Protein backbone atom coordinates (compact mmCIF):
# COMPACT_ATOMS: atom_id res chain seq x y z
CA MET A 1 13.84 -13.49 5.80
CA SER A 2 12.77 -9.79 4.81
CA LEU A 3 10.73 -8.50 2.18
CA ASN A 4 12.97 -7.41 -0.15
CA LYS A 5 14.28 -10.25 -0.17
CA GLN A 6 11.46 -12.13 -0.65
CA ILE A 7 10.78 -10.61 -3.42
CA LYS A 8 14.06 -11.44 -5.14
CA GLN A 9 13.31 -14.52 -4.52
CA ASP A 10 10.03 -14.41 -5.54
CA ILE A 11 11.47 -13.03 -9.17
CA LYS A 12 13.40 -16.04 -9.87
CA ASP A 13 10.62 -18.22 -8.74
CA ALA A 14 9.05 -16.61 -11.40
CA MET A 15 11.02 -17.01 -14.44
CA ARG A 16 12.02 -20.84 -13.76
CA ALA A 17 7.57 -21.09 -14.62
CA LYS A 18 7.58 -18.75 -16.96
CA ASP A 19 4.90 -16.77 -14.94
CA VAL A 20 5.82 -13.42 -17.33
CA LEU A 21 2.67 -11.19 -15.06
CA LYS A 22 3.96 -12.39 -12.44
CA ARG A 23 7.47 -11.84 -12.79
CA ASP A 24 7.16 -8.18 -14.39
CA THR A 25 4.66 -7.07 -11.46
CA LEU A 26 7.96 -7.83 -9.55
CA ARG A 27 10.60 -6.83 -11.57
CA ASN A 28 8.32 -3.20 -11.57
CA ILE A 29 8.85 -3.18 -7.72
CA GLN A 30 12.17 -4.30 -7.53
CA ALA A 31 13.59 -1.18 -10.24
CA VAL A 32 11.34 1.41 -7.31
CA VAL A 33 13.50 -0.62 -4.55
CA LYS A 34 16.67 -0.54 -6.93
CA GLN A 35 15.58 3.88 -7.41
CA ILE A 36 15.43 4.13 -3.63
CA GLU A 37 18.95 2.74 -3.20
CA VAL A 38 20.68 4.26 -6.03
CA ASP A 39 19.10 7.83 -4.74
CA GLU A 40 19.30 7.49 -1.04
CA ARG A 41 22.93 5.36 -1.29
CA ARG A 42 20.57 3.48 1.79
CA ASP A 43 18.88 0.14 2.27
CA VAL A 44 15.38 -0.54 1.64
CA THR A 45 13.76 -1.46 5.64
CA ASP A 46 10.79 -3.60 5.05
CA GLU A 47 9.06 -0.53 6.41
CA ASP A 48 10.08 1.40 3.18
CA MET A 49 9.96 -1.79 1.64
CA GLU A 50 5.57 -1.87 2.85
CA ALA A 51 4.65 1.68 1.52
CA ILE A 52 6.32 1.12 -2.04
CA LEU A 53 3.26 -2.14 -2.10
CA MET A 54 0.60 -0.01 -0.83
CA LYS A 55 1.44 3.54 -3.63
CA TYR A 56 1.79 0.70 -6.82
CA LEU A 57 -1.20 -1.30 -5.14
CA LYS A 58 -3.40 2.38 -5.36
CA GLN A 59 -1.09 3.30 -9.00
CA ARG A 60 -3.04 -0.26 -10.28
CA GLU A 61 -5.77 0.33 -8.63
CA ASP A 62 -6.86 4.20 -10.31
CA ALA A 63 -5.21 2.55 -13.52
CA LYS A 64 -8.42 0.15 -12.90
CA VAL A 65 -10.79 1.97 -12.42
CA GLN A 66 -9.18 4.47 -15.95
CA PHE A 67 -9.09 1.17 -17.31
CA ALA A 68 -12.70 0.35 -16.96
CA GLU A 69 -14.70 3.58 -17.78
CA ALA A 70 -12.77 3.44 -21.16
CA GLY A 71 -14.72 -0.59 -21.31
CA ARG A 72 -10.56 -2.45 -22.07
CA ASP A 73 -12.19 -5.41 -20.09
CA ASP A 74 -8.72 -7.13 -20.96
CA LEU A 75 -6.20 -4.05 -19.08
CA VAL A 76 -9.12 -4.22 -16.18
CA ALA A 77 -8.42 -8.32 -15.64
CA LYS A 78 -4.20 -7.47 -16.17
CA GLU A 79 -4.13 -4.66 -13.31
CA ASP A 80 -6.67 -7.32 -11.48
CA ALA A 81 -4.02 -9.86 -11.10
CA GLU A 82 -1.00 -7.77 -10.79
CA ILE A 83 -3.00 -6.31 -7.35
CA ALA A 84 -3.85 -10.18 -6.74
CA ILE A 85 0.16 -10.42 -7.02
CA ILE A 86 0.93 -7.34 -4.58
CA LYS A 87 -1.35 -7.70 -2.36
CA VAL A 88 -0.24 -10.88 -0.93
CA TYR A 89 3.72 -9.09 -0.47
CA LEU A 90 0.99 -6.04 1.95
CA PRO A 91 0.44 -7.41 5.82
CA GLU A 92 -3.83 -8.40 6.19
CA PRO A 93 -5.54 -5.26 5.98
CA MET A 94 -7.62 -3.70 9.32
CA SER A 95 -11.47 -3.53 9.36
CA ASP A 96 -13.17 -0.39 9.85
CA ASP A 97 -13.84 -1.27 12.97
CA GLU A 98 -10.90 -1.98 14.10
CA LEU A 99 -9.56 0.73 12.15
CA GLU A 100 -12.26 3.85 13.91
CA GLU A 101 -11.41 1.76 17.75
CA ILE A 102 -7.41 2.73 16.49
CA ILE A 103 -8.24 6.06 15.37
CA LYS A 104 -10.72 7.29 18.66
CA GLU A 105 -7.33 6.28 20.66
CA ILE A 106 -5.24 8.15 18.62
CA VAL A 107 -7.51 11.34 19.08
CA SER A 108 -8.72 10.58 22.36
CA SER A 109 -5.36 10.27 23.17
CA LEU A 110 -3.96 14.11 21.20
CA ASN A 111 -7.27 15.67 22.86
CA ALA A 112 -8.04 16.67 18.52
CA THR A 113 -11.75 18.28 18.86
CA THR A 114 -12.48 19.63 16.38
CA MET A 115 -11.27 19.46 12.01
CA LYS A 116 -8.23 21.50 12.63
CA ASP A 117 -6.81 18.30 14.35
CA MET A 118 -6.64 17.01 11.59
CA GLY A 119 -3.15 17.38 10.41
CA LYS A 120 -2.35 16.25 13.66
CA VAL A 121 -4.62 12.60 13.39
CA MET A 122 -3.49 12.14 10.02
CA GLY A 123 0.14 11.70 10.93
CA LYS A 124 0.76 9.90 14.01
CA ALA A 125 -2.58 6.99 12.67
CA LYS A 126 -0.49 6.97 9.42
CA SER A 127 3.08 5.72 11.67
CA THR A 128 0.20 3.99 14.36
CA ILE A 129 -0.92 2.20 12.07
CA GLY A 130 1.67 1.64 8.79
CA SER A 131 0.30 -0.10 5.52
CA ARG A 132 -2.29 -1.60 7.10
CA ALA A 133 -5.08 0.89 6.24
CA ASP A 134 -5.52 2.55 3.56
CA GLY A 135 -5.31 6.78 3.30
CA GLY A 136 -8.44 7.42 2.05
CA ARG A 137 -9.34 5.32 4.37
CA ILE A 138 -8.11 6.44 7.43
CA ASN A 139 -9.24 9.90 6.00
CA GLN A 140 -13.07 8.92 5.76
CA ILE A 141 -13.04 7.41 9.29
CA VAL A 142 -11.02 10.39 10.93
CA LYS A 143 -12.98 13.48 9.04
CA SER A 144 -16.91 11.00 10.08
CA ILE A 145 -14.78 11.24 14.44
CA LEU A 146 -14.34 14.80 15.11
CA SER A 147 -16.84 16.26 12.45
């Protein structure tokens, strides 16, 4: 079953269980999917779904930080709950060791030696790693290897 179909089914299940938070979180994701389908006139693939989920996860994490700084513990708890819901649909994140090993292989395959090569390495790394690691983590490791 595709990720999109799984989310649609889980929305129905959340509605039956009267799980408002899960239902609303998944509907927000489904709204983004619908927008892409209408605007670009194409079906959304699992890779697209993972990218959408990663973006939504990043938004939730950023909002959580801002709410924590403002002292809004109630909203921090809501963001934590949404983050937990989203993480169910994403693949298991890579450990730092795995990530560093893959990036070292990419750096050697591209013969990258300086920070000028960072763009090439980042592009290849993001396409290779996909949604198994955040762009910020990839960026930090690439910088440490190329410096």
